[in-house]
């Protein structure tokens, strides 16, 4: 891990409402000063699509499929054991489970790529050769895996153009269809971003649409 990544591992996220991307009433009552967003789309059907989509989602595939460069930095086991798990909410928005600290099992894809865990750092940006321009750093702050539902959320770190959180929820319905939901709340991280807010929000919406398309590629030709 580079010295810069080591410094990021010690940084706190740049917002207070950790886990709020999962609040049922996010679109009506986002954290004060933040703009919410939600998009949902069908990404395929059947067991093969589901299994591929889970691996793709948990290895940064939504970002790569949207045309972004991605660097992922894993936390060590000691750091993972100290990861904060935020409050859980029921359908009415009431908290049902307290915050806690716990460890998460390491899982690898068939090609040896490790799934994301809470605490891991994700840096996305414009890939130019081996370099990543306009890097946007974040940390995985939530991870949930069930038989028919997989979700993780990324919170912004210092240096990101936005302050806020973005989550990706992959769900398989009883009829076999697979759906991805993107939810977020954000605001400019610096004063200079407020005059550019309309353009930034439009870019955020367009990128969310690309996230939905990222998991719809033909399985025979995709290259994760």
Protein backbone atom coordinates (compact mmCIF):
# COMPACT_ATOMS: atom_id res chain seq x y z
CA UNK A 1 0.00 0.00 0.00
CA UNK A 2 1.39 3.40 -0.98
CA UNK A 3 1.84 6.19 1.56
CA UNK A 4 -1.13 8.01 0.02
CA UNK A 5 -3.34 4.94 0.33
CA UNK A 6 -2.12 4.42 3.89
CA UNK A 7 -3.15 7.99 4.69
CA UNK A 8 -6.58 7.43 3.12
CA UNK A 9 -7.05 4.32 5.26
CA UNK A 10 -6.90 6.57 8.32
CA UNK A 11 -9.28 9.23 6.95
CA UNK A 12 -12.92 9.55 7.92
CA UNK A 13 -15.64 9.86 5.31
CA UNK A 14 -16.68 13.44 4.54
CA UNK A 15 -20.32 13.23 5.69
CA UNK A 16 -22.16 12.30 8.87
CA UNK A 17 -25.17 10.26 7.72
CA UNK A 18 -23.38 6.96 7.12
CA UNK A 19 -25.88 4.38 5.87
CA UNK A 20 -28.58 6.88 4.93
CA UNK A 21 -28.59 5.68 1.31
CA UNK A 22 -30.64 2.75 2.66
CA UNK A 23 -33.32 4.84 4.37
CA UNK A 24 -36.73 4.06 2.79
CA UNK A 25 -37.67 7.76 2.72
CA UNK A 26 -34.36 8.98 1.24
CA UNK A 27 -35.98 10.66 -1.77
CA UNK A 28 -38.44 12.63 0.39
CA UNK A 29 -36.18 13.35 3.35
CA UNK A 30 -32.49 13.22 2.40
CA UNK A 31 -29.86 14.43 4.88
CA UNK A 32 -30.07 18.20 5.17
CA UNK A 33 -28.35 19.99 2.27
CA UNK A 34 -27.94 16.86 0.14
CA UNK A 35 -29.57 15.98 -3.19
CA UNK A 36 -30.97 12.42 -3.44
CA UNK A 37 -31.06 10.18 -6.49
CA UNK A 38 -32.53 6.75 -7.21
CA UNK A 39 -32.54 4.70 -10.42
CA UNK A 40 -33.55 1.09 -10.98
CA UNK A 41 -33.23 -1.10 -14.05
CA UNK A 42 -33.42 -4.73 -15.13
CA UNK A 43 -30.00 -6.14 -15.96
CA UNK A 44 -30.91 -9.67 -17.02
CA UNK A 45 -32.51 -12.97 -16.11
CA UNK A 46 -31.56 -16.34 -14.72
CA UNK A 47 -28.94 -17.95 -12.50
CA UNK A 48 -25.99 -17.33 -14.82
CA UNK A 49 -26.75 -13.62 -15.04
CA UNK A 50 -27.21 -13.40 -11.28
CA UNK A 51 -23.95 -15.16 -10.44
CA UNK A 52 -21.98 -13.09 -12.95
CA UNK A 53 -23.61 -9.85 -11.83
CA UNK A 54 -22.80 -10.51 -8.17
CA UNK A 55 -19.12 -11.06 -8.97
CA UNK A 56 -19.05 -8.04 -11.27
CA UNK A 57 -20.77 -5.80 -8.73
CA UNK A 58 -18.46 -6.79 -5.88
CA UNK A 59 -15.27 -6.34 -7.92
CA UNK A 60 -15.97 -2.81 -9.19
CA UNK A 61 -17.67 -3.87 -12.43
CA UNK A 62 -20.32 -1.14 -12.29
CA UNK A 63 -17.58 1.49 -12.46
CA UNK A 64 -15.58 -0.22 -15.20
CA UNK A 65 -18.73 -0.88 -17.22
CA UNK A 66 -19.55 2.82 -16.99
CA UNK A 67 -16.20 3.66 -18.60
CA UNK A 68 -14.27 4.59 -15.47
CA UNK A 69 -10.85 3.56 -14.36
CA UNK A 70 -10.86 1.83 -10.98
CA UNK A 71 -8.28 1.20 -8.30
CA UNK A 72 -9.25 -0.82 -5.24
CA UNK A 73 -7.18 -0.95 -2.05
CA UNK A 74 -8.01 -3.67 0.45
CA UNK A 75 -7.84 -3.09 4.18
CA UNK A 76 -5.94 -5.69 6.17
CA UNK A 77 -7.71 -8.13 8.45
CA UNK A 78 -7.12 -6.00 11.53
CA UNK A 79 -8.75 -2.98 9.92
CA UNK A 80 -11.68 -5.05 8.64
CA UNK A 81 -12.43 -6.24 12.17
CA UNK A 82 -12.93 -2.63 13.24
CA UNK A 83 -15.30 -1.65 10.43
CA UNK A 84 -18.36 0.33 11.49
CA UNK A 85 -21.70 -1.25 10.56
CA UNK A 86 -24.35 1.52 10.65
CA UNK A 87 -27.87 1.39 12.01
CA UNK A 88 -30.38 -0.71 10.04
CA UNK A 89 -33.85 0.62 9.19
CA UNK A 90 -37.24 -1.04 8.69
CA UNK A 91 -39.69 -0.18 5.87
CA UNK A 92 -41.10 2.76 7.82
CA UNK A 93 -37.69 4.32 8.39
CA UNK A 94 -37.41 3.31 12.05
CA UNK A 95 -34.08 1.94 13.29
CA UNK A 96 -34.28 -1.78 14.07
CA UNK A 97 -30.66 -2.83 14.56
CA UNK A 98 -27.98 -0.87 16.44
CA UNK A 99 -24.64 0.05 14.94
CA UNK A 100 -21.89 -2.49 15.53
CA UNK A 101 -18.33 -3.39 14.66
CA UNK A 102 -17.50 -6.71 13.03
CA UNK A 103 -15.41 -8.69 10.58
CA UNK A 104 -16.40 -9.81 7.07
CA UNK A 105 -15.29 -13.04 5.40
CA UNK A 106 -12.99 -12.78 2.39
CA UNK A 107 -14.56 -14.06 -0.86
CA UNK A 108 -12.81 -14.50 -4.23
CA UNK A 109 -14.10 -14.91 -7.78
CA UNK A 110 -13.05 -17.85 -9.97
CA UNK A 111 -10.20 -15.75 -11.43
CA UNK A 112 -8.87 -14.87 -7.98
CA UNK A 113 -10.25 -11.32 -7.67
CA UNK A 114 -11.30 -10.51 -4.11
CA UNK A 115 -14.79 -9.21 -3.43
CA UNK A 116 -15.02 -5.83 -1.78
CA UNK A 117 -15.30 -5.69 1.99
CA UNK A 118 -16.34 -2.88 4.34
CA UNK A 119 -13.41 -0.53 4.84
CA UNK A 120 -11.89 -1.10 1.40
CA UNK A 121 -10.92 2.01 -0.55
CA UNK A 122 -12.25 2.53 -4.09
CA UNK A 123 -10.75 5.24 -6.29
CA UNK A 124 -12.44 5.93 -9.62
CA UNK A 125 -11.56 8.40 -12.34
CA UNK A 126 -10.52 8.82 -15.94
CA UNK A 127 -8.06 6.12 -16.98
CA UNK A 128 -5.25 7.45 -19.18
CA UNK A 129 -2.70 4.73 -19.74
CA UNK A 130 -1.59 3.49 -16.34
CA UNK A 131 -2.66 6.69 -14.61
CA UNK A 132 -5.97 7.69 -13.10
CA UNK A 133 -6.90 11.33 -13.69
CA UNK A 134 -9.38 13.28 -11.58
CA UNK A 135 -9.38 10.58 -8.89
CA UNK A 136 -12.48 10.31 -6.72
CA UNK A 137 -11.73 8.36 -3.53
CA UNK A 138 -14.34 6.55 -1.46
CA UNK A 139 -14.65 3.84 1.17
CA UNK A 140 -17.00 0.87 1.34
CA UNK A 141 -19.14 1.67 4.38
CA UNK A 142 -21.87 -0.97 4.02
CA UNK A 143 -22.03 -4.51 2.70
CA UNK A 144 -25.01 -6.86 2.76
CA UNK A 145 -25.23 -10.27 1.10
CA UNK A 146 -28.33 -12.45 1.07
CA UNK A 147 -29.50 -15.25 -1.20
CA UNK A 148 -31.41 -12.90 -3.51
CA UNK A 149 -30.02 -9.50 -2.53
CA UNK A 150 -26.49 -8.04 -2.56
CA UNK A 151 -25.76 -4.43 -1.66
CA UNK A 152 -22.79 -2.25 -0.90
CA UNK A 153 -22.44 1.49 -0.30
CA UNK A 154 -19.46 3.77 -0.85
CA UNK A 155 -18.90 6.92 1.18
CA UNK A 156 -16.79 9.84 -0.06
CA UNK A 157 -13.31 10.54 1.29
CA UNK A 158 -11.37 13.85 1.26
CA UNK A 159 -10.45 14.75 -2.32
CA UNK A 160 -13.77 13.66 -3.84
CA UNK A 161 -15.71 16.33 -5.77
CA UNK A 162 -18.87 15.37 -3.88
CA UNK A 163 -19.67 14.70 -0.27
CA UNK A 164 -22.14 11.87 0.29
CA UNK A 165 -22.87 8.21 -0.26
CA UNK A 166 -23.79 5.94 -3.16
CA UNK A 167 -25.17 2.41 -2.96
CA UNK A 168 -25.68 -0.41 -5.44
CA UNK A 169 -28.33 -3.05 -4.72
CA UNK A 170 -28.61 -6.16 -6.87
CA UNK A 171 -31.82 -8.18 -6.44
CA UNK A 172 -33.19 -11.38 -7.96
CA UNK A 173 -36.97 -11.67 -8.12
CA UNK A 174 -38.99 -14.89 -7.91
CA UNK A 175 -39.43 -14.98 -11.69
CA UNK A 176 -35.64 -14.98 -12.14
CA UNK A 177 -35.23 -11.40 -13.33
CA UNK A 178 -32.23 -9.49 -11.97
CA UNK A 179 -32.46 -5.80 -11.08
CA UNK A 180 -29.94 -3.16 -10.04
CA UNK A 181 -30.88 -0.12 -7.96
CA UNK A 182 -28.55 2.88 -7.61
CA UNK A 183 -29.28 5.24 -4.71
CA UNK A 184 -27.27 8.20 -3.52
CA UNK A 185 -27.25 11.53 -1.76
CA UNK A 186 -24.62 14.14 -2.52
CA UNK A 187 -23.60 17.77 -2.45
CA UNK A 188 -20.46 19.58 -3.64
CA UNK A 189 -17.53 19.01 -1.32
CA UNK A 190 -16.03 22.48 -1.84
CA UNK A 191 -17.32 26.02 -2.28
CA UNK A 192 -16.35 26.12 -5.96
CA UNK A 193 -18.73 23.25 -6.69
CA UNK A 194 -21.91 25.11 -5.79
CA UNK A 195 -21.94 27.38 -8.89
CA UNK A 196 -21.43 24.22 -10.97
CA UNK A 197 -24.15 22.29 -9.15
CA UNK A 198 -26.63 21.92 -12.09
CA UNK A 199 -23.90 20.48 -14.30
CA UNK A 200 -22.59 18.22 -11.55
CA UNK A 201 -26.07 16.86 -10.85
CA UNK A 202 -26.65 16.20 -14.55
CA UNK A 203 -23.34 14.35 -14.77
CA UNK A 204 -24.27 12.32 -11.70
CA UNK A 205 -27.58 11.31 -13.31
CA UNK A 206 -25.94 10.31 -16.58
CA UNK A 207 -23.33 8.24 -14.76
CA UNK A 208 -26.05 6.47 -12.74
CA UNK A 209 -27.69 5.43 -16.01
CA UNK A 210 -24.37 4.04 -17.20
CA UNK A 211 -24.08 2.06 -13.97
CA UNK A 212 -27.38 0.36 -14.77
CA UNK A 213 -26.19 -0.54 -18.27
CA UNK A 214 -22.85 -1.82 -16.98
CA UNK A 215 -24.30 -5.16 -15.86
CA UNK A 216 -26.35 -5.81 -19.01
CA UNK A 217 -23.49 -6.78 -21.33
CA UNK A 218 -23.75 -10.16 -23.14
CA UNK A 219 -22.20 -12.80 -20.90
CA UNK A 220 -20.38 -14.55 -23.76
CA UNK A 221 -18.42 -11.39 -24.69
CA UNK A 222 -18.04 -9.51 -21.42
CA UNK A 223 -14.57 -9.02 -20.00
CA UNK A 224 -14.55 -8.12 -16.36
